[in-house]
Amino acid sequence: MKNQLIIIILILFGVLPSCKKDDASTIFYWDETGCADPWKQNSDDTEEKRKVEIKRYLENRNVNVKNIEFEFDQAKQQFCYACNCTTGRVIVVKVAGSDEQLMKKLNFYQ
């Protein structure tokens, strides 16, 4: 019985370290502009279509995208028609923690 217990403990210690741990997620933000964002966009796009374009843009740059959401911040809304004017829509992107430096290089902020 004692030998079986030792064998079970050894097996557990051998199996547990091999379990893959989930990569911690990190949240990044992007202030949407009228037409200066780096991904394909159209003012008539639905949120779902915007998510697809943003995800495609990031995945083409080897970012592991976990989720994309939108928030609205009235303080960031600019009432002008220049491409670089912000719309007030804030894009919230959840990515793998290992992609933090890459997201910063792509000008997303935390």
N, C-alpha and C. Protein backbone atom coordinates (compact mmCIF):
# COMPACT_ATOMS: atom_id res chain seq x y z
N MET A 1 0.83 -1.20 0.00
CA MET A 1 0.00 0.00 0.00
C MET A 1 0.87 1.26 0.00
N LYS A 2 1.93 1.21 0.79
CA LYS A 2 2.83 2.35 0.88
C LYS A 2 3.50 2.61 -0.46
N ASN A 3 3.88 1.53 -1.16
CA ASN A 3 4.50 1.67 -2.47
C ASN A 3 3.53 2.27 -3.49
N GLN A 4 2.26 1.88 -3.41
CA GLN A 4 1.25 2.43 -4.33
C GLN A 4 1.07 3.93 -4.10
N LEU A 5 1.08 4.35 -2.86
CA LEU A 5 0.93 5.76 -2.53
C LEU A 5 2.12 6.56 -3.08
N ILE A 6 3.30 6.01 -2.94
CA ILE A 6 4.50 6.68 -3.45
C ILE A 6 4.43 6.78 -4.98
N ILE A 7 3.98 5.72 -5.63
CA ILE A 7 3.86 5.73 -7.09
C ILE A 7 2.83 6.76 -7.54
N ILE A 8 1.71 6.84 -6.86
CA ILE A 8 0.67 7.82 -7.20
C ILE A 8 1.20 9.24 -7.02
N ILE A 9 1.90 9.49 -5.95
CA ILE A 9 2.47 10.82 -5.71
C ILE A 9 3.48 11.17 -6.79
N LEU A 10 4.34 10.22 -7.15
CA LEU A 10 5.32 10.47 -8.20
C LEU A 10 4.65 10.75 -9.55
N ILE A 11 3.59 10.03 -9.84
CA ILE A 11 2.85 10.26 -11.09
C ILE A 11 2.24 11.65 -11.09
N LEU A 12 1.64 12.04 -9.98
CA LEU A 12 1.04 13.38 -9.89
C LEU A 12 2.08 14.47 -10.08
N PHE A 13 3.23 14.32 -9.44
CA PHE A 13 4.28 15.31 -9.59
C PHE A 13 4.84 15.33 -11.01
N GLY A 14 4.75 14.22 -11.71
CA GLY A 14 5.20 14.17 -13.10
C GLY A 14 4.19 14.77 -14.06
N VAL A 15 2.91 14.64 -13.75
CA VAL A 15 1.85 15.12 -14.64
C VAL A 15 1.56 16.60 -14.43
N LEU A 16 1.51 17.06 -13.20
CA LEU A 16 1.12 18.44 -12.91
C LEU A 16 2.00 19.48 -13.60
N PRO A 17 3.32 19.36 -13.58
CA PRO A 17 4.13 20.38 -14.25
C PRO A 17 3.93 20.41 -15.76
N SER A 18 3.45 19.31 -16.35
CA SER A 18 3.27 19.29 -17.79
C SER A 18 1.97 19.94 -18.23
N CYS A 19 1.09 20.27 -17.29
CA CYS A 19 -0.15 20.96 -17.64
C CYS A 19 0.18 22.36 -18.12
N LYS A 20 -0.39 22.72 -19.26
CA LYS A 20 -0.13 24.05 -19.81
C LYS A 20 -0.95 25.08 -19.04
N LYS A 21 -0.27 26.12 -18.60
CA LYS A 21 -0.96 27.20 -17.91
C LYS A 21 -1.48 28.18 -18.96
N ASP A 22 -2.66 28.72 -18.72
CA ASP A 22 -3.20 29.73 -19.63
C ASP A 22 -2.37 30.99 -19.55
N ASP A 23 -2.12 31.57 -20.70
CA ASP A 23 -1.39 32.83 -20.76
C ASP A 23 -2.30 33.92 -20.20
N ALA A 24 -1.79 34.71 -19.32
CA ALA A 24 -2.59 35.79 -18.74
C ALA A 24 -3.01 36.74 -19.86
N SER A 25 -4.20 37.27 -19.71
CA SER A 25 -4.72 38.22 -20.70
C SER A 25 -4.42 39.64 -20.28
N THR A 26 -4.34 40.51 -21.27
CA THR A 26 -4.10 41.92 -21.05
C THR A 26 -5.10 42.71 -21.88
N ILE A 27 -5.58 43.82 -21.32
CA ILE A 27 -6.54 44.68 -22.01
C ILE A 27 -5.82 45.89 -22.60
N PHE A 28 -6.13 46.19 -23.85
CA PHE A 28 -5.60 47.37 -24.53
C PHE A 28 -6.75 48.17 -25.12
N TYR A 29 -6.47 49.45 -25.37
CA TYR A 29 -7.49 50.36 -25.89
C TYR A 29 -6.98 51.07 -27.14
N TRP A 30 -7.94 51.47 -27.96
CA TRP A 30 -7.65 52.27 -29.16
C TRP A 30 -8.79 53.26 -29.31
N ASP A 31 -8.46 54.54 -29.49
CA ASP A 31 -9.48 55.56 -29.73
C ASP A 31 -9.75 55.61 -31.23
N GLU A 32 -10.95 55.19 -31.61
CA GLU A 32 -11.30 55.13 -33.02
C GLU A 32 -11.31 56.52 -33.65
N THR A 33 -10.83 56.59 -34.88
CA THR A 33 -10.84 57.86 -35.61
C THR A 33 -11.85 57.78 -36.75
N GLY A 34 -12.07 58.92 -37.38
CA GLY A 34 -13.02 58.97 -38.49
C GLY A 34 -12.59 58.09 -39.65
N CYS A 35 -11.31 58.11 -40.00
CA CYS A 35 -10.83 57.27 -41.11
C CYS A 35 -9.32 57.05 -41.09
N ALA A 36 -8.67 57.26 -39.96
CA ALA A 36 -7.21 57.12 -39.90
C ALA A 36 -6.75 55.84 -39.18
N ASP A 37 -7.68 54.97 -38.84
CA ASP A 37 -7.29 53.72 -38.18
C ASP A 37 -6.59 52.81 -39.19
N PRO A 38 -5.66 51.98 -38.76
CA PRO A 38 -4.85 51.20 -39.70
C PRO A 38 -5.57 50.02 -40.36
N TRP A 39 -6.76 49.68 -39.92
CA TRP A 39 -7.50 48.57 -40.52
C TRP A 39 -8.58 49.15 -41.44
N LYS A 40 -9.08 48.28 -42.31
CA LYS A 40 -10.14 48.68 -43.24
C LYS A 40 -11.37 49.09 -42.44
N GLN A 41 -11.97 50.22 -42.81
CA GLN A 41 -13.16 50.66 -42.10
C GLN A 41 -14.06 51.46 -43.02
N ASN A 42 -15.32 51.46 -42.66
CA ASN A 42 -16.34 52.21 -43.37
C ASN A 42 -17.29 52.72 -42.31
N SER A 43 -17.71 53.95 -42.40
CA SER A 43 -18.57 54.53 -41.36
C SER A 43 -19.90 53.79 -41.24
N ASP A 44 -20.29 53.05 -42.28
CA ASP A 44 -21.55 52.31 -42.24
C ASP A 44 -21.39 50.89 -41.69
N ASP A 45 -20.18 50.49 -41.35
CA ASP A 45 -19.93 49.13 -40.86
C ASP A 45 -20.66 48.88 -39.54
N THR A 46 -21.15 47.66 -39.38
CA THR A 46 -21.73 47.25 -38.10
C THR A 46 -20.58 46.98 -37.13
N GLU A 47 -20.92 46.88 -35.86
CA GLU A 47 -19.87 46.57 -34.87
C GLU A 47 -19.24 45.22 -35.16
N GLU A 48 -20.04 44.26 -35.59
CA GLU A 48 -19.49 42.93 -35.88
C GLU A 48 -18.48 42.99 -37.03
N LYS A 49 -18.80 43.78 -38.06
CA LYS A 49 -17.86 43.90 -39.19
C LYS A 49 -16.59 44.62 -38.74
N ARG A 50 -16.73 45.62 -37.88
CA ARG A 50 -15.55 46.32 -37.35
C ARG A 50 -14.67 45.35 -36.56
N LYS A 51 -15.32 44.51 -35.75
CA LYS A 51 -14.56 43.52 -34.96
C LYS A 51 -13.77 42.60 -35.88
N VAL A 52 -14.40 42.15 -36.96
CA VAL A 52 -13.73 41.25 -37.90
C VAL A 52 -12.50 41.93 -38.51
N GLU A 53 -12.65 43.19 -38.92
CA GLU A 53 -11.53 43.91 -39.53
C GLU A 53 -10.40 44.16 -38.54
N ILE A 54 -10.75 44.53 -37.31
CA ILE A 54 -9.73 44.77 -36.28
C ILE A 54 -9.00 43.47 -35.96
N LYS A 55 -9.77 42.40 -35.80
CA LYS A 55 -9.17 41.10 -35.49
C LYS A 55 -8.24 40.65 -36.62
N ARG A 56 -8.68 40.82 -37.85
CA ARG A 56 -7.84 40.45 -39.00
C ARG A 56 -6.54 41.25 -38.99
N TYR A 57 -6.65 42.54 -38.76
CA TYR A 57 -5.47 43.41 -38.72
C TYR A 57 -4.48 42.92 -37.66
N LEU A 58 -4.98 42.65 -36.45
CA LEU A 58 -4.10 42.24 -35.35
C LEU A 58 -3.53 40.85 -35.57
N GLU A 59 -4.36 39.91 -36.03
CA GLU A 59 -3.87 38.55 -36.24
C GLU A 59 -2.84 38.50 -37.37
N ASN A 60 -2.97 39.37 -38.36
CA ASN A 60 -1.95 39.45 -39.42
C ASN A 60 -0.62 39.95 -38.90
N ARG A 61 -0.64 40.52 -37.70
CA ARG A 61 0.58 41.00 -37.04
C ARG A 61 0.95 40.11 -35.86
N ASN A 62 0.43 38.89 -35.89
CA ASN A 62 0.74 37.84 -34.91
C ASN A 62 0.28 38.15 -33.49
N VAL A 63 -0.82 38.88 -33.35
CA VAL A 63 -1.40 39.14 -32.03
C VAL A 63 -2.48 38.10 -31.78
N ASN A 64 -2.45 37.50 -30.60
CA ASN A 64 -3.46 36.52 -30.21
C ASN A 64 -4.64 37.26 -29.58
N VAL A 65 -5.67 37.54 -30.38
CA VAL A 65 -6.84 38.29 -29.94
C VAL A 65 -7.81 37.35 -29.23
N LYS A 66 -8.19 37.72 -28.01
CA LYS A 66 -9.14 36.91 -27.25
C LYS A 66 -10.55 37.48 -27.32
N ASN A 67 -10.65 38.82 -27.37
CA ASN A 67 -11.97 39.45 -27.39
C ASN A 67 -11.84 40.90 -27.83
N ILE A 68 -12.88 41.40 -28.49
CA ILE A 68 -12.95 42.81 -28.88
C ILE A 68 -14.32 43.34 -28.49
N GLU A 69 -14.33 44.48 -27.84
CA GLU A 69 -15.57 45.15 -27.45
C GLU A 69 -15.44 46.63 -27.77
N PHE A 70 -16.56 47.33 -27.68
CA PHE A 70 -16.57 48.77 -27.91
C PHE A 70 -17.19 49.48 -26.72
N GLU A 71 -16.63 50.62 -26.38
CA GLU A 71 -17.19 51.49 -25.35
C GLU A 71 -17.32 52.88 -25.98
N PHE A 72 -18.10 53.73 -25.36
CA PHE A 72 -18.21 55.10 -25.84
C PHE A 72 -17.80 56.04 -24.73
N ASP A 73 -16.91 56.98 -25.07
CA ASP A 73 -16.44 57.99 -24.12
C ASP A 73 -16.67 59.36 -24.75
N GLN A 74 -17.70 60.04 -24.27
CA GLN A 74 -18.07 61.32 -24.84
C GLN A 74 -16.92 62.33 -24.79
N ALA A 75 -16.08 62.22 -23.78
CA ALA A 75 -14.94 63.14 -23.65
C ALA A 75 -13.94 62.97 -24.79
N LYS A 76 -13.95 61.82 -25.45
CA LYS A 76 -13.02 61.57 -26.55
C LYS A 76 -13.64 61.84 -27.92
N GLN A 77 -14.89 62.26 -27.94
CA GLN A 77 -15.56 62.54 -29.20
C GLN A 77 -15.20 63.95 -29.68
N GLN A 78 -14.68 64.01 -30.90
CA GLN A 78 -14.33 65.30 -31.50
C GLN A 78 -15.31 65.58 -32.63
N PHE A 79 -15.83 66.77 -32.66
CA PHE A 79 -16.80 67.12 -33.69
C PHE A 79 -16.10 67.81 -34.85
N CYS A 80 -15.43 66.99 -35.65
CA CYS A 80 -14.76 67.49 -36.84
C CYS A 80 -14.76 66.38 -37.88
N TYR A 81 -14.45 66.71 -39.10
CA TYR A 81 -14.52 65.73 -40.18
C TYR A 81 -13.16 65.28 -40.69
N ALA A 82 -12.11 65.69 -40.04
CA ALA A 82 -10.77 65.24 -40.45
C ALA A 82 -10.61 63.76 -40.10
N CYS A 83 -9.81 63.06 -40.87
CA CYS A 83 -9.63 61.62 -40.64
C CYS A 83 -9.11 61.29 -39.25
N ASN A 84 -8.27 62.16 -38.70
CA ASN A 84 -7.67 61.84 -37.40
C ASN A 84 -8.53 62.26 -36.21
N CYS A 85 -9.71 62.82 -36.45
CA CYS A 85 -10.60 63.19 -35.33
C CYS A 85 -11.18 61.92 -34.71
N THR A 86 -11.21 61.87 -33.40
CA THR A 86 -11.73 60.68 -32.72
C THR A 86 -13.25 60.73 -32.65
N THR A 87 -13.85 59.55 -32.75
CA THR A 87 -15.31 59.43 -32.80
C THR A 87 -15.95 59.31 -31.42
N GLY A 88 -15.15 59.03 -30.42
CA GLY A 88 -15.67 58.77 -29.09
C GLY A 88 -15.79 57.28 -28.80
N ARG A 89 -15.71 56.48 -29.86
CA ARG A 89 -15.75 55.03 -29.68
C ARG A 89 -14.36 54.56 -29.26
N VAL A 90 -14.30 53.81 -28.18
CA VAL A 90 -13.04 53.25 -27.69
C VAL A 90 -13.09 51.74 -27.94
N ILE A 91 -12.10 51.25 -28.64
CA ILE A 91 -12.02 49.82 -28.94
C ILE A 91 -11.24 49.16 -27.82
N VAL A 92 -11.85 48.16 -27.21
CA VAL A 92 -11.25 47.44 -26.09
C VAL A 92 -10.87 46.05 -26.58
N VAL A 93 -9.58 45.75 -26.55
CA VAL A 93 -9.08 44.49 -27.08
C VAL A 93 -8.40 43.70 -25.97
N LYS A 94 -8.85 42.48 -25.79
CA LYS A 94 -8.23 41.57 -24.83
C LYS A 94 -7.31 40.64 -25.62
N VAL A 95 -6.03 40.64 -25.23
CA VAL A 95 -5.04 39.83 -25.94
C VAL A 95 -4.24 38.99 -24.94
N ALA A 96 -3.49 38.05 -25.47
CA ALA A 96 -2.61 37.25 -24.63
C ALA A 96 -1.56 38.17 -24.01
N GLY A 97 -1.24 37.92 -22.76
CA GLY A 97 -0.25 38.74 -22.06
C GLY A 97 1.09 38.79 -22.76
N SER A 98 1.41 37.74 -23.49
CA SER A 98 2.69 37.70 -24.20
C SER A 98 2.74 38.68 -25.38
N ASP A 99 1.59 39.24 -25.76
CA ASP A 99 1.54 40.19 -26.88
C ASP A 99 1.58 41.65 -26.44
N GLU A 100 1.88 41.89 -25.18
CA GLU A 100 1.85 43.25 -24.64
C GLU A 100 2.77 44.21 -25.40
N GLN A 101 4.01 43.83 -25.61
CA GLN A 101 4.95 44.72 -26.30
C GLN A 101 4.54 44.96 -27.75
N LEU A 102 4.03 43.94 -28.39
CA LEU A 102 3.58 44.08 -29.78
C LEU A 102 2.41 45.06 -29.88
N MET A 103 1.47 44.98 -28.94
CA MET A 103 0.33 45.91 -28.94
C MET A 103 0.79 47.35 -28.74
N LYS A 104 1.77 47.53 -27.88
CA LYS A 104 2.31 48.88 -27.66
C LYS A 104 2.97 49.41 -28.93
N LYS A 105 3.69 48.53 -29.66
CA LYS A 105 4.31 48.94 -30.91
C LYS A 105 3.26 49.32 -31.95
N LEU A 106 2.08 48.73 -31.86
CA LEU A 106 0.99 49.04 -32.78
C LEU A 106 0.18 50.25 -32.32
N ASN A 107 0.66 50.91 -31.26
CA ASN A 107 0.07 52.14 -30.72
C ASN A 107 -1.25 51.96 -29.97
N PHE A 108 -1.51 50.76 -29.47
CA PHE A 108 -2.62 50.56 -28.54
C PHE A 108 -2.11 50.98 -27.17
N TYR A 109 -3.00 51.38 -26.30
CA TYR A 109 -2.58 51.82 -24.96
C TYR A 109 -3.34 51.07 -23.88
N GLN A 110 -2.80 51.16 -22.65
CA GLN A 110 -3.43 50.49 -21.51
C GLN A 110 -4.04 51.49 -20.57
